[in-house]
C-alpha atoms as a PDB file:
ATOM      1  CA  UNK A   1       0.120   0.084   0.160  1.00  0.00           C
ATOM      2  CA  UNK A   2       1.331   3.776  -0.580  1.00  0.00           C
ATOM      3  CA  UNK A   3       0.153   6.224   1.141  1.00  0.00           C
ATOM      4  CA  UNK A   4       0.443  10.098   0.123  1.00  0.00           C
ATOM      5  CA  UNK A   5       1.725  13.122   2.740  1.00  0.00           C
ATOM      6  CA  UNK A   6       0.969  16.535   1.460  1.00  0.00           C
ATOM      7  CA  UNK A   7       2.590  18.906   3.560  1.00  0.00           C
ATOM      8  CA  UNK A   8       2.724  21.970   3.584  1.00  0.00           C
ATOM      9  CA  UNK A   9       5.621  24.449   1.353  1.00  0.00           C
ATOM     10  CA  UNK A  10       8.522  24.238   3.968  1.00  0.00           C
ATOM     11  CA  UNK A  11       9.643  27.860   5.584  1.00  0.00           C
ATOM     12  CA  UNK A  12      12.608  28.006   7.591  1.00  0.00           C
ATOM     13  CA  UNK A  13      10.912  29.666  10.535  1.00  0.00           C
ATOM     14  CA  UNK A  14       8.252  26.995  10.790  1.00  0.00           C
ATOM     15  CA  UNK A  15       8.919  24.018  10.482  1.00  0.00           C
ATOM     16  CA  UNK A  16       7.170  21.589  13.522  1.00  0.00           C
ATOM     17  CA  UNK A  17       4.511  19.652  10.957  1.00  0.00           C
ATOM     18  CA  UNK A  18       7.008  18.341   8.907  1.00  0.00           C
ATOM     19  CA  UNK A  19       9.466  17.567  11.704  1.00  0.00           C
ATOM     20  CA  UNK A  20       7.112  15.361  12.703  1.00  0.00           C
ATOM     21  CA  UNK A  21       5.993  13.925   9.529  1.00  0.00           C
ATOM     22  CA  UNK A  22       9.171  13.445   7.718  1.00  0.00           C
ATOM     23  CA  UNK A  23      10.036  11.665  10.390  1.00  0.00           C
ATOM     24  CA  UNK A  24       6.766   9.155  10.630  1.00  0.00           C
ATOM     25  CA  UNK A  25       7.100   8.716   7.195  1.00  0.00           C
ATOM     26  CA  UNK A  26      11.116   7.989   7.502  1.00  0.00           C
ATOM     27  CA  UNK A  27      10.034   5.084  10.562  1.00  0.00           C
ATOM     28  CA  UNK A  28       7.332   3.816   7.520  1.00  0.00           C
ATOM     29  CA  UNK A  29       9.870   3.849   4.893  1.00  0.00           C
ATOM     30  CA  UNK A  30      12.456   1.866   6.654  1.00  0.00           C
ATOM     31  CA  UNK A  31       9.794  -1.056   7.976  1.00  0.00           C
ATOM     32  CA  UNK A  32       7.942  -1.382   4.687  1.00  0.00           C
ATOM     33  CA  UNK A  33       8.189  -4.487   4.838  1.00  0.00           C
ATOM     34  CA  UNK A  34       7.233  -5.229   8.272  1.00  0.00           C
ATOM     35  CA  UNK A  35       4.041  -2.972   7.945  1.00  0.00           C
ATOM     36  CA  UNK A  36       3.190  -3.551   3.533  1.00  0.00           C
ATOM     37  CA  UNK A  37       3.138   0.262   3.747  1.00  0.00           C
ATOM     38  CA  UNK A  38       5.013   2.943   2.369  1.00  0.00           C
ATOM     39  CA  UNK A  39       5.172   7.006   2.129  1.00  0.00           C
ATOM     40  CA  UNK A  40       5.681   9.247  -1.246  1.00  0.00           C
ATOM     41  CA  UNK A  41       6.365  12.631   0.857  1.00  0.00           C
ATOM     42  CA  UNK A  42       5.436  15.659  -1.205  1.00  0.00           C
ATOM     43  CA  UNK A  43       5.493  19.280  -0.577  1.00  0.00           C
ATOM     44  CA  UNK A  44       2.806  21.304  -2.274  1.00  0.00           C
ATOM     45  CA  UNK A  45       4.417  24.209  -4.137  1.00  0.00           C
ATOM     46  CA  UNK A  46       3.330  26.673  -2.764  1.00  0.00           C
ATOM     47  CA  UNK A  47       2.384  29.175   0.511  1.00  0.00           C
ATOM     48  CA  UNK A  48      -0.750  30.317   1.221  1.00  0.00           C
ATOM     49  CA  UNK A  49      -3.054  32.875  -0.390  1.00  0.00           C
ATOM     50  CA  UNK A  50      -5.984  33.650  -2.257  1.00  0.00           C
ATOM     51  CA  UNK A  51      -4.995  32.201  -5.821  1.00  0.00           C
ATOM     52  CA  UNK A  52      -2.106  29.762  -4.396  1.00  0.00           C
ATOM     53  CA  UNK A  53      -4.610  28.016  -2.482  1.00  0.00           C
ATOM     54  CA  UNK A  54      -6.196  26.630  -5.858  1.00  0.00           C
ATOM     55  CA  UNK A  55      -2.743  26.238  -6.898  1.00  0.00           C
ATOM     56  CA  UNK A  56      -2.261  23.571  -3.777  1.00  0.00           C
ATOM     57  CA  UNK A  57      -5.572  22.035  -4.618  1.00  0.00           C
ATOM     58  CA  UNK A  58      -4.851  21.443  -7.860  1.00  0.00           C
ATOM     59  CA  UNK A  59      -1.965  20.040  -7.063  1.00  0.00           C
ATOM     60  CA  UNK A  60      -2.378  17.733  -4.355  1.00  0.00           C
ATOM     61  CA  UNK A  61      -6.281  16.316  -7.026  1.00  0.00           C
ATOM     62  CA  UNK A  62      -3.059  15.739  -9.490  1.00  0.00           C
ATOM     63  CA  UNK A  63      -0.644  14.051  -7.246  1.00  0.00           C
ATOM     64  CA  UNK A  64      -3.120  11.776  -5.227  1.00  0.00           C
ATOM     65  CA  UNK A  65      -3.743   8.275  -4.615  1.00  0.00           C
ATOM     66  CA  UNK A  66      -5.626   5.156  -3.232  1.00  0.00           C
ATOM     67  CA  UNK A  67      -5.275   6.866   0.561  1.00  0.00           C
ATOM     68  CA  UNK A  68      -3.838  10.670   1.040  1.00  0.00           C
ATOM     69  CA  UNK A  69      -2.938  12.102   4.535  1.00  0.00           C
ATOM     70  CA  UNK A  70      -3.270  16.032   4.678  1.00  0.00           C
ATOM     71  CA  UNK A  71      -0.406  16.451   7.272  1.00  0.00           C
ATOM     72  CA  UNK A  72      -1.374  19.731   9.101  1.00  0.00           C
ATOM     73  CA  UNK A  73      -1.615  23.148   8.220  1.00  0.00           C
ATOM     74  CA  UNK A  74      -2.822  23.126   4.019  1.00  0.00           C
ATOM     75  CA  UNK A  75      -6.119  21.342   5.378  1.00  0.00           C
ATOM     76  CA  UNK A  76      -7.889  23.209   2.328  1.00  0.00           C
ATOM     77  CA  UNK A  77      -5.983  20.661  -0.636  1.00  0.00           C
ATOM     78  CA  UNK A  78      -8.510  17.852   1.246  1.00  0.00           C
ATOM     79  CA  UNK A  79     -11.130  19.667  -1.170  1.00  0.00           C
ATOM     80  CA  UNK A  80      -9.056  18.381  -4.276  1.00  0.00           C
ATOM     81  CA  UNK A  81      -9.240  14.291  -3.480  1.00  0.00           C
ATOM     82  CA  UNK A  82     -11.665  11.882  -4.950  1.00  0.00           C
ATOM     83  CA  UNK A  83     -14.733  10.848  -2.860  1.00  0.00           C
ATOM     84  CA  UNK A  84     -13.699   6.962  -3.355  1.00  0.00           C
ATOM     85  CA  UNK A  85     -10.193   7.148  -2.069  1.00  0.00           C
ATOM     86  CA  UNK A  86      -9.517   7.331   1.687  1.00  0.00           C
ATOM     87  CA  UNK A  87      -8.587  10.773   2.959  1.00  0.00           C
ATOM     88  CA  UNK A  88      -7.377  11.639   5.847  1.00  0.00           C
ATOM     89  CA  UNK A  89      -6.580  14.978   7.766  1.00  0.00           C
ATOM     90  CA  UNK A  90      -4.323  16.067  10.787  1.00  0.00           C
ATOM     91  CA  UNK A  91      -5.543  19.587  12.289  1.00  0.00           C
ATOM     92  CA  UNK A  92      -3.327  20.579  14.894  1.00  0.00           C
ATOM     93  CA  UNK A  93      -5.484  23.281  15.999  1.00  0.00           C
ATOM     94  CA  UNK A  94      -7.947  25.944  15.430  1.00  0.00           C
ATOM     95  CA  UNK A  95      -5.766  29.086  15.651  1.00  0.00           C
ATOM     96  CA  UNK A  96      -5.921  30.153  12.650  1.00  0.00           C
ATOM     97  CA  UNK A  97      -9.506  31.109  13.406  1.00  0.00           C
ATOM     98  CA  UNK A  98      -8.931  31.833  16.730  1.00  0.00           C
ATOM     99  CA  UNK A  99      -8.057  35.319  16.398  1.00  0.00           C
ATOM    100  CA  UNK A 100     -11.125  36.633  13.920  1.00  0.00           C
ATOM    101  CA  UNK A 101     -14.277  37.950  15.394  1.00  0.00           C
ATOM    102  CA  UNK A 102     -17.312  35.970  14.327  1.00  0.00           C
ATOM    103  CA  UNK A 103     -17.986  39.653  12.645  1.00  0.00           C
ATOM    104  CA  UNK A 104     -15.235  39.523  10.183  1.00  0.00           C
ATOM    105  CA  UNK A 105     -15.089  38.065   7.022  1.00  0.00           C
ATOM    106  CA  UNK A 106     -12.287  36.314   7.810  1.00  0.00           C
ATOM    107  CA  UNK A 107     -13.023  34.240  10.131  1.00  0.00           C
ATOM    108  CA  UNK A 108     -16.080  32.603   7.234  1.00  0.00           C
ATOM    109  CA  UNK A 109     -13.243  32.262   5.097  1.00  0.00           C
ATOM    110  CA  UNK A 110     -11.318  30.641   7.058  1.00  0.00           C
ATOM    111  CA  UNK A 111     -13.925  28.702   8.840  1.00  0.00           C
ATOM    112  CA  UNK A 112     -15.075  27.566   5.416  1.00  0.00           C
ATOM    113  CA  UNK A 113     -11.301  26.159   3.831  1.00  0.00           C
ATOM    114  CA  UNK A 114     -10.017  25.558   6.878  1.00  0.00           C
ATOM    115  CA  UNK A 115     -12.569  23.864   9.062  1.00  0.00           C
ATOM    116  CA  UNK A 116     -15.895  22.406   7.724  1.00  0.00           C
ATOM    117  CA  UNK A 117     -14.986  21.873   3.886  1.00  0.00           C
ATOM    118  CA  UNK A 118     -12.313  19.787   4.833  1.00  0.00           C
ATOM    119  CA  UNK A 119     -13.704  17.829   7.794  1.00  0.00           C
ATOM    120  CA  UNK A 120     -16.606  17.192   5.759  1.00  0.00           C
ATOM    121  CA  UNK A 121     -14.041  15.913   2.898  1.00  0.00           C
ATOM    122  CA  UNK A 122     -12.072  13.526   5.144  1.00  0.00           C
ATOM    123  CA  UNK A 123     -12.322   9.894   5.826  1.00  0.00           C
ATOM    124  CA  UNK A 124     -10.800  10.445   9.200  1.00  0.00           C
ATOM    125  CA  UNK A 125      -9.653  13.362  11.347  1.00  0.00           C
ATOM    126  CA  UNK A 126      -7.186  13.201  13.368  1.00  0.00           C
ATOM    127  CA  UNK A 127      -6.501  15.820  16.552  1.00  0.00           C
ATOM    128  CA  UNK A 128      -2.893  15.813  18.239  1.00  0.00           C
ATOM    129  CA  UNK A 129      -4.558  16.791  21.992  1.00  0.00           C
ATOM    130  CA  UNK A 130      -7.964  16.242  23.382  1.00  0.00           C
ATOM    131  CA  UNK A 131      -7.967  20.052  24.014  1.00  0.00           C
ATOM    132  CA  UNK A 132      -8.070  20.522  19.744  1.00  0.00           C
ATOM    133  CA  UNK A 133     -10.337  17.429  19.668  1.00  0.00           C
ATOM    134  CA  UNK A 134     -13.212  19.400  21.856  1.00  0.00           C
ATOM    135  CA  UNK A 135     -12.373  22.657  19.993  1.00  0.00           C
ATOM    136  CA  UNK A 136     -13.024  20.865  16.856  1.00  0.00           C
ATOM    137  CA  UNK A 137     -16.695  19.200  18.679  1.00  0.00           C
ATOM    138  CA  UNK A 138     -17.318  22.882  19.419  1.00  0.00           C
ATOM    139  CA  UNK A 139     -16.480  25.019  15.882  1.00  0.00           C
ATOM    140  CA  UNK A 140     -17.993  22.902  14.237  1.00  0.00           C
ATOM    141  CA  UNK A 141     -21.637  21.039  14.507  1.00  0.00           C
ATOM    142  CA  UNK A 142     -20.870  17.797  11.868  1.00  0.00           C
ATOM    143  CA  UNK A 143     -19.010  14.893  11.543  1.00  0.00           C
ATOM    144  CA  UNK A 144     -17.675  14.759  15.319  1.00  0.00           C
ATOM    145  CA  UNK A 145     -17.701  10.384  15.148  1.00  0.00           C
ATOM    146  CA  UNK A 146     -14.812  11.143  12.031  1.00  0.00           C
ATOM    147  CA  UNK A 147     -12.234  13.180  14.866  1.00  0.00           C
ATOM    148  CA  UNK A 148      -9.431  10.405  16.697  1.00  0.00           C
ATOM    149  CA  UNK A 149      -6.761  11.782  18.815  1.00  0.00           C
ATOM    150  CA  UNK A 150      -3.303  10.455  18.095  1.00  0.00           C
ATOM    151  CA  UNK A 151      -0.524  12.423  20.231  1.00  0.00           C
ATOM    152  CA  UNK A 152       1.972  13.760  19.160  1.00  0.00           C
ATOM    153  CA  UNK A 153       5.701  11.809  19.555  1.00  0.00           C
ATOM    154  CA  UNK A 154       9.168  12.474  20.131  1.00  0.00           C
ATOM    155  CA  UNK A 155      12.137  13.110  17.463  1.00  0.00           C
ATOM    156  CA  UNK A 156      14.318   9.930  18.592  1.00  0.00           C
ATOM    157  CA  UNK A 157      17.211  12.512  17.903  1.00  0.00           C
ATOM    158  CA  UNK A 158      15.894  13.839  21.500  1.00  0.00           C
ATOM    159  CA  UNK A 159      17.601  12.148  23.079  1.00  0.00           C
ATOM    160  CA  UNK A 160      19.360  12.361  27.532  1.00  0.00           C
ATOM    161  CA  UNK A 161      22.243  14.887  27.171  1.00  0.00           C
ATOM    162  CA  UNK A 162      23.586  15.745  30.842  1.00  0.00           C
ATOM    163  CA  UNK A 163      24.552  18.718  31.963  1.00  0.00           C
ATOM    164  CA  UNK A 164      25.434  20.627  35.144  1.00  0.00           C
ATOM    165  CA  UNK A 165      23.242  23.735  35.385  1.00  0.00           C
ATOM    166  CA  UNK A 166      24.385  26.902  35.453  1.00  0.00           C
ATOM    167  CA  UNK A 167      22.776  28.727  38.738  1.00  0.00           C
ATOM    168  CA  UNK A 168      24.692  31.793  38.140  1.00  0.00           C
ATOM    169  CA  UNK A 169      23.744  32.607  34.404  1.00  0.00           C
ATOM    170  CA  UNK A 170      20.980  29.694  33.620  1.00  0.00           C
ATOM    171  CA  UNK A 171      20.406  29.983  29.751  1.00  0.00           C
ATOM    172  CA  UNK A 172      16.860  29.738  28.938  1.00  0.00           C
ATOM    173  CA  UNK A 173      15.338  28.717  25.910  1.00  0.00           C
ATOM    174  CA  UNK A 174      12.743  30.199  24.783  1.00  0.00           C
ATOM    175  CA  UNK A 175      11.297  28.858  20.984  1.00  0.00           C
ATOM    176  CA  UNK A 176       8.286  30.576  18.659  1.00  0.00           C
ATOM    177  CA  UNK A 177       7.909  34.322  17.561  1.00  0.00           C
ATOM    178  CA  UNK A 178       3.907  33.908  17.378  1.00  0.00           C
ATOM    179  CA  UNK A 179       1.344  36.132  19.512  1.00  0.00           C
ATOM    180  CA  UNK A 180       0.649  33.132  21.190  1.00  0.00           C
ATOM    181  CA  UNK A 181       4.939  32.302  22.545  1.00  0.00           C
ATOM    182  CA  UNK A 182       4.102  34.967  25.066  1.00  0.00           C
ATOM    183  CA  UNK A 183       7.870  36.698  24.634  1.00  0.00           C
ATOM    184  CA  UNK A 184       6.442  40.313  25.722  1.00  0.00           C
ATOM    185  CA  UNK A 185       5.777  38.109  29.448  1.00  0.00           C
ATOM    186  CA  UNK A 186       8.653  36.266  28.880  1.00  0.00           C
ATOM    187  CA  UNK A 187      11.112  39.590  28.282  1.00  0.00           C
ATOM    188  CA  UNK A 188       9.291  41.382  30.675  1.00  0.00           C
ATOM    189  CA  UNK A 189      10.205  38.285  32.810  1.00  0.00           C
ATOM    190  CA  UNK A 190      13.360  37.914  32.877  1.00  0.00           C
ATOM    191  CA  UNK A 191      14.672  41.748  32.233  1.00  0.00           C
ATOM    192  CA  UNK A 192      15.693  41.921  36.013  1.00  0.00           C
ATOM    193  CA  UNK A 193      16.703  37.700  36.221  1.00  0.00           C
ATOM    194  CA  UNK A 194      20.848  36.817  35.340  1.00  0.00           C
ATOM    195  CA  UNK A 195      20.971  34.929  32.616  1.00  0.00           C
ATOM    196  CA  UNK A 196      20.352  34.227  29.112  1.00  0.00           C
ATOM    197  CA  UNK A 197      18.003  34.028  26.722  1.00  0.00           C
ATOM    198  CA  UNK A 198      17.999  31.664  23.697  1.00  0.00           C
ATOM    199  CA  UNK A 199      15.576  32.668  21.494  1.00  0.00           C
ATOM    200  CA  UNK A 200      14.618  30.693  18.432  1.00  0.00           C
ATOM    201  CA  UNK A 201      12.021  32.725  16.064  1.00  0.00           C
ATOM    202  CA  UNK A 202      11.673  36.759  15.126  1.00  0.00           C
ATOM    203  CA  UNK A 203      10.970  39.288  17.771  1.00  0.00           C
ATOM    204  CA  UNK A 204       9.150  41.849  16.507  1.00  0.00           C
ATOM    205  CA  UNK A 205      10.870  46.236  16.345  1.00  0.00           C
ATOM    206  CA  UNK A 206       9.312  46.640  19.509  1.00  0.00           C
ATOM    207  CA  UNK A 207      10.801  43.214  21.620  1.00  0.00           C
ATOM    208  CA  UNK A 208      14.039  44.423  20.134  1.00  0.00           C
ATOM    209  CA  UNK A 209      14.002  47.360  20.950  1.00  0.00           C
ATOM    210  CA  UNK A 210      12.625  46.533  24.608  1.00  0.00           C
ATOM    211  CA  UNK A 211      15.288  44.189  24.653  1.00  0.00           C
ATOM    212  CA  UNK A 212      18.080  46.837  23.965  1.00  0.00           C
ATOM    213  CA  UNK A 213      16.540  49.178  26.710  1.00  0.00           C
ATOM    214  CA  UNK A 214      16.321  46.869  29.259  1.00  0.00           C
ATOM    215  CA  UNK A 215      20.283  45.206  28.294  1.00  0.00           C
ATOM    216  CA  UNK A 216      18.705  41.454  28.435  1.00  0.00           C
ATOM    217  CA  UNK A 217      21.699  39.296  27.729  1.00  0.00           C
ATOM    218  CA  UNK A 218      19.533  37.761  24.231  1.00  0.00           C
ATOM    219  CA  UNK A 219      20.682  35.560  21.541  1.00  0.00           C
ATOM    220  CA  UNK A 220      18.549  35.677  18.958  1.00  0.00           C
ATOM    221  CA  UNK A 221      18.183  32.941  15.958  1.00  0.00           C
ATOM    222  CA  UNK A 222      15.230  32.363  12.752  1.00  0.00           C
ATOM    223  CA  UNK A 223      15.621  29.940  10.220  1.00  0.00           C
ATOM    224  CA  UNK A 224      18.015  27.466  11.678  1.00  0.00           C
ATOM    225  CA  UNK A 225      18.343  23.684  10.916  1.00  0.00           C
ATOM    226  CA  UNK A 226      17.417  21.083  12.909  1.00  0.00           C
ATOM    227  CA  UNK A 227      20.337  20.424  14.166  1.00  0.00           C
ATOM    228  CA  UNK A 228      20.740  23.736  15.488  1.00  0.00           C
ATOM    229  CA  UNK A 229      18.091  22.890  17.545  1.00  0.00           C
ATOM    230  CA  UNK A 230      18.657  20.081  18.533  1.00  0.00           C
ATOM    231  CA  UNK A 231      21.907  21.491  20.004  1.00  0.00           C
ATOM    232  CA  UNK A 232      19.838  24.446  21.802  1.00  0.00           C
ATOM    233  CA  UNK A 233      18.262  21.776  23.702  1.00  0.00           C
ATOM    234  CA  UNK A 234      21.523  20.601  25.053  1.00  0.00           C
ATOM    235  CA  UNK A 235      23.059  23.329  26.230  1.00  0.00           C
ATOM    236  CA  UNK A 236      19.990  25.407  27.759  1.00  0.00           C
ATOM    237  CA  UNK A 237      19.019  25.057  31.535  1.00  0.00           C
ATOM    238  CA  UNK A 238      15.629  25.824  31.438  1.00  0.00           C
ATOM    239  CA  UNK A 239      12.811  25.840  28.608  1.00  0.00           C
ATOM    240  CA  UNK A 240      10.918  28.867  29.408  1.00  0.00           C
ATOM    241  CA  UNK A 241       7.855  27.798  27.579  1.00  0.00           C
ATOM    242  CA  UNK A 242       4.432  29.820  29.094  1.00  0.00           C
ATOM    243  CA  UNK A 243       2.295  30.087  25.984  1.00  0.00           C
ATOM    244  CA  UNK A 244      -1.036  30.611  25.799  1.00  0.00           C
ATOM    245  CA  UNK A 245      -2.538  29.001  23.487  1.00  0.00           C
ATOM    246  CA  UNK A 246      -1.201  25.639  21.350  1.00  0.00           C
ATOM    247  CA  UNK A 247      -2.690  22.694  19.958  1.00  0.00           C
ATOM    248  CA  UNK A 248      -0.494  20.336  22.143  1.00  0.00           C
ATOM    249  CA  UNK A 249       3.459  21.987  23.024  1.00  0.00           C
ATOM    250  CA  UNK A 250       5.651  19.540  21.008  1.00  0.00           C
ATOM    251  CA  UNK A 251       9.049  21.299  22.857  1.00  0.00           C
ATOM    252  CA  UNK A 252       7.394  20.053  26.178  1.00  0.00           C
ATOM    253  CA  UNK A 253       8.289  16.606  25.914  1.00  0.00           C
ATOM    254  CA  UNK A 254      10.904  16.923  23.467  1.00  0.00           C
ATOM    255  CA  UNK A 255      13.380  19.338  26.259  1.00  0.00           C
ATOM    256  CA  UNK A 256      12.040  16.360  28.925  1.00  0.00           C
ATOM    257  CA  UNK A 257      13.510  13.752  26.960  1.00  0.00           C
ATOM    258  CA  UNK A 258      16.743  15.843  26.669  1.00  0.00           C
ATOM    259  CA  UNK A 259      16.513  15.887  30.501  1.00  0.00           C
ATOM    260  CA  UNK A 260      16.606  19.399  31.065  1.00  0.00           C
ATOM    261  CA  UNK A 261      13.700  21.710  33.204  1.00  0.00           C
ATOM    262  CA  UNK A 262      10.581  22.726  31.843  1.00  0.00           C
ATOM    263  CA  UNK A 263       8.751  26.124  32.877  1.00  0.00           C
ATOM    264  CA  UNK A 264       5.122  26.076  30.917  1.00  0.00           C
ATOM    265  CA  UNK A 265       1.830  27.038  31.546  1.00  0.00           C
ATOM    266  CA  UNK A 266      -0.652  25.869  33.752  1.00  0.00           C
ATOM    267  CA  UNK A 267      -3.609  25.365  31.069  1.00  0.00           C
ATOM    268  CA  UNK A 268      -4.905  22.880  28.751  1.00  0.00           C
ATOM    269  CA  UNK A 269      -2.680  21.382  26.485  1.00  0.00           C
ATOM    270  CA  UNK A 270       0.285  22.262  28.601  1.00  0.00           C
ATOM    271  CA  UNK A 271      -0.460  21.116  31.459  1.00  0.00           C
ATOM    272  CA  UNK A 272      -1.977  17.658  30.576  1.00  0.00           C
ATOM    273  CA  UNK A 273       0.896  16.400  27.909  1.00  0.00           C
ATOM    274  CA  UNK A 274       3.396  17.866  31.326  1.00  0.00           C
ATOM    275  CA  UNK A 275       1.717  15.900  33.775  1.00  0.00           C
ATOM    276  CA  UNK A 276       4.078  16.405  36.675  1.00  0.00           C
ATOM    277  CA  UNK A 277       7.071  17.576  34.733  1.00  0.00           C
ATOM    278  CA  UNK A 278       7.268  21.619  35.307  1.00  0.00           C
ATOM    279  CA  UNK A 279       6.974  24.171  36.259  1.00  0.00           C
ATOM    280  CA  UNK A 280       3.790  25.217  35.633  1.00  0.00           C
ATOM    281  CA  UNK A 281       2.332  29.212  35.888  1.00  0.00           C
ATOM    282  CA  UNK A 282      -0.669  31.436  34.676  1.00  0.00           C
ATOM    283  CA  UNK A 283       1.092  32.872  31.323  1.00  0.00           C
ATOM    284  CA  UNK A 284      -0.753  35.781  31.789  1.00  0.00           C
ATOM    285  CA  UNK A 285       0.716  37.022  34.808  1.00  0.00           C
ATOM    286  CA  UNK A 286       4.052  38.442  34.253  1.00  0.00           C
ATOM    287  CA  UNK A 287       5.432  38.080  38.085  1.00  0.00           C
ATOM    288  CA  UNK A 288       4.248  34.494  38.238  1.00  0.00           C
ATOM    289  CA  UNK A 289       6.610  33.728  35.308  1.00  0.00           C
ATOM    290  CA  UNK A 290       9.308  35.232  36.654  1.00  0.00           C
ATOM    291  CA  UNK A 291       8.709  33.625  39.793  1.00  0.00           C
ATOM    292  CA  UNK A 292       8.493  30.216  38.201  1.00  0.00           C
ATOM    293  CA  UNK A 293      12.006  30.682  36.365  1.00  0.00           C
ATOM    294  CA  UNK A 294      13.493  31.921  40.073  1.00  0.00           C
ATOM    295  CA  UNK A 295      12.327  29.243  41.993  1.00  0.00           C
ATOM    296  CA  UNK A 296      14.010  26.484  39.446  1.00  0.00           C
ATOM    297  CA  UNK A 297      17.155  28.501  39.541  1.00  0.00           C
ATOM    298  CA  UNK A 298      17.028  28.397  43.464  1.00  0.00           C
ATOM    299  CA  UNK A 299      16.277  24.886  43.673  1.00  0.00           C
ATOM    300  CA  UNK A 300      18.374  21.863  43.448  1.00  0.00           C
ATOM    301  CA  UNK A 301      16.557  19.444  44.545  1.00  0.00           C
ATOM    302  CA  UNK A 302      13.112  20.539  42.267  1.00  0.00           C
ATOM    303  CA  UNK A 303      15.487  20.412  39.234  1.00  0.00           C
ATOM    304  CA  UNK A 304      16.695  16.803  40.174  1.00  0.00           C
ATOM    305  CA  UNK A 305      12.555  15.891  40.332  1.00  0.00           C
ATOM    306  CA  UNK A 306      11.358  17.599  37.780  1.00  0.00           C
ATOM    307  CA  UNK A 307      14.832  16.319  35.414  1.00  0.00           C
ATOM    308  CA  UNK A 308      13.497  12.752  36.819  1.00  0.00           C
ATOM    309  CA  UNK A 309       9.863  13.157  35.994  1.00  0.00           C
ATOM    310  CA  UNK A 310      10.569  14.507  32.441  1.00  0.00           C
ATOM    311  CA  UNK A 311      11.961  11.598  31.633  1.00  0.00           C
ATOM    312  CA  UNK A 312      10.186   9.265  33.026  1.00  0.00           C
ATOM    313  CA  UNK A 313       6.814  11.435  30.806  1.00  0.00           C
ATOM    314  CA  UNK A 314       9.190  11.169  27.610  1.00  0.00           C
ATOM    315  CA  UNK A 315       8.208   7.521  27.678  1.00  0.00           C
ATOM    316  CA  UNK A 316       4.767   8.132  27.293  1.00  0.00           C
ATOM    317  CA  UNK A 317       5.584   9.912  23.260  1.00  0.00           C
ATOM    318  CA  UNK A 318       6.952   7.074  22.031  1.00  0.00           C
ATOM    319  CA  UNK A 319       7.413   7.277  18.367  1.00  0.00           C
ATOM    320  CA  UNK A 320       6.118   3.207  17.210  1.00  0.00           C
ATOM    321  CA  UNK A 321       2.541   3.545  19.138  1.00  0.00           C
ATOM    322  CA  UNK A 322       2.215   6.568  17.471  1.00  0.00           C
ATOM    323  CA  UNK A 323       2.721   5.025  13.961  1.00  0.00           C
ATOM    324  CA  UNK A 324       1.029   2.286  14.653  1.00  0.00           C
ATOM    325  CA  UNK A 325      -1.824   4.466  15.502  1.00  0.00           C
ATOM    326  CA  UNK A 326      -1.424   6.074  12.038  1.00  0.00           C
ATOM    327  CA  UNK A 327      -1.107   2.750  10.029  1.00  0.00           C
ATOM    328  CA  UNK A 328      -4.377   1.697  11.303  1.00  0.00           C
ATOM    329  CA  UNK A 329      -6.189   4.732  10.296  1.00  0.00           C
ATOM    330  CA  UNK A 330      -5.058   4.343   6.792  1.00  0.00           C
ATOM    331  CA  UNK A 331      -5.262   0.563   6.967  1.00  0.00           C
ATOM    332  CA  UNK A 332      -8.937   0.136   7.690  1.00  0.00           C
ATOM    333  CA  UNK A 333     -11.561  -0.068   5.800  1.00  0.00           C
END
């Protein structure tokens, strides 16, 4: 059996979806004889835009097969799939419309092309967390029986790497630059903490001005390779991830697997993904974020407990089990 994966056009600043499904494709293809399945991985040729949406739909229509999997973000491209084929759609979150008012035309365009029509067209809709499942159920009034939760997994390249915690000037890793990642509050929280902030992402001009005026010790990187990201996890002391909105929160378990202390949000799904393997804070409260970071820096016993809990938590998200669940979706009649 061949399964066609369709992924969004690669963007060096946003690569988590591609990273996940390229790894799944590699795992399946490496075990082709065992699974009886081979993945044909394809990136659509264009970034989203009014005319490009139709070009990407056309690309999927021309290149589809008996089993097709739209792996996320380009939900609308499933419209190009033939109903006689088996068509799977993965929805990572509902953030595309969360930022728009229902009185905005953009809300209804995104809702129609990213959710209503794609979900109707799909045979199965996989989501990466119970939170996304509940959001999707609230958003659409149809096809709810199609929705199946399949968690994200940890890329096998994230492995335990022992490191002595730098209590004098800890390295804080921050990943992302979209508004939900909460960089504004993190910058406010760390401005008076003696630390080095490693940002993988592109801050706004306002954020860069704040960094400069407050003389925050920052290293900014964007458009970096996976290998660089992996090395930054190994070099850091704390992952600071107080996001205000996520479909899952993959960096939490990546840091867990690497053996790094995690600070994240005490809201769903981050608190569920982290369990007892993170310091949980109110992402809307600067003082709570600051207090959480300081608690980690000052309390060695807490750090050791969180690292131990994190390694155990990471075992819940191994690739082999996740691959089996996707294979079941592809092969089920």
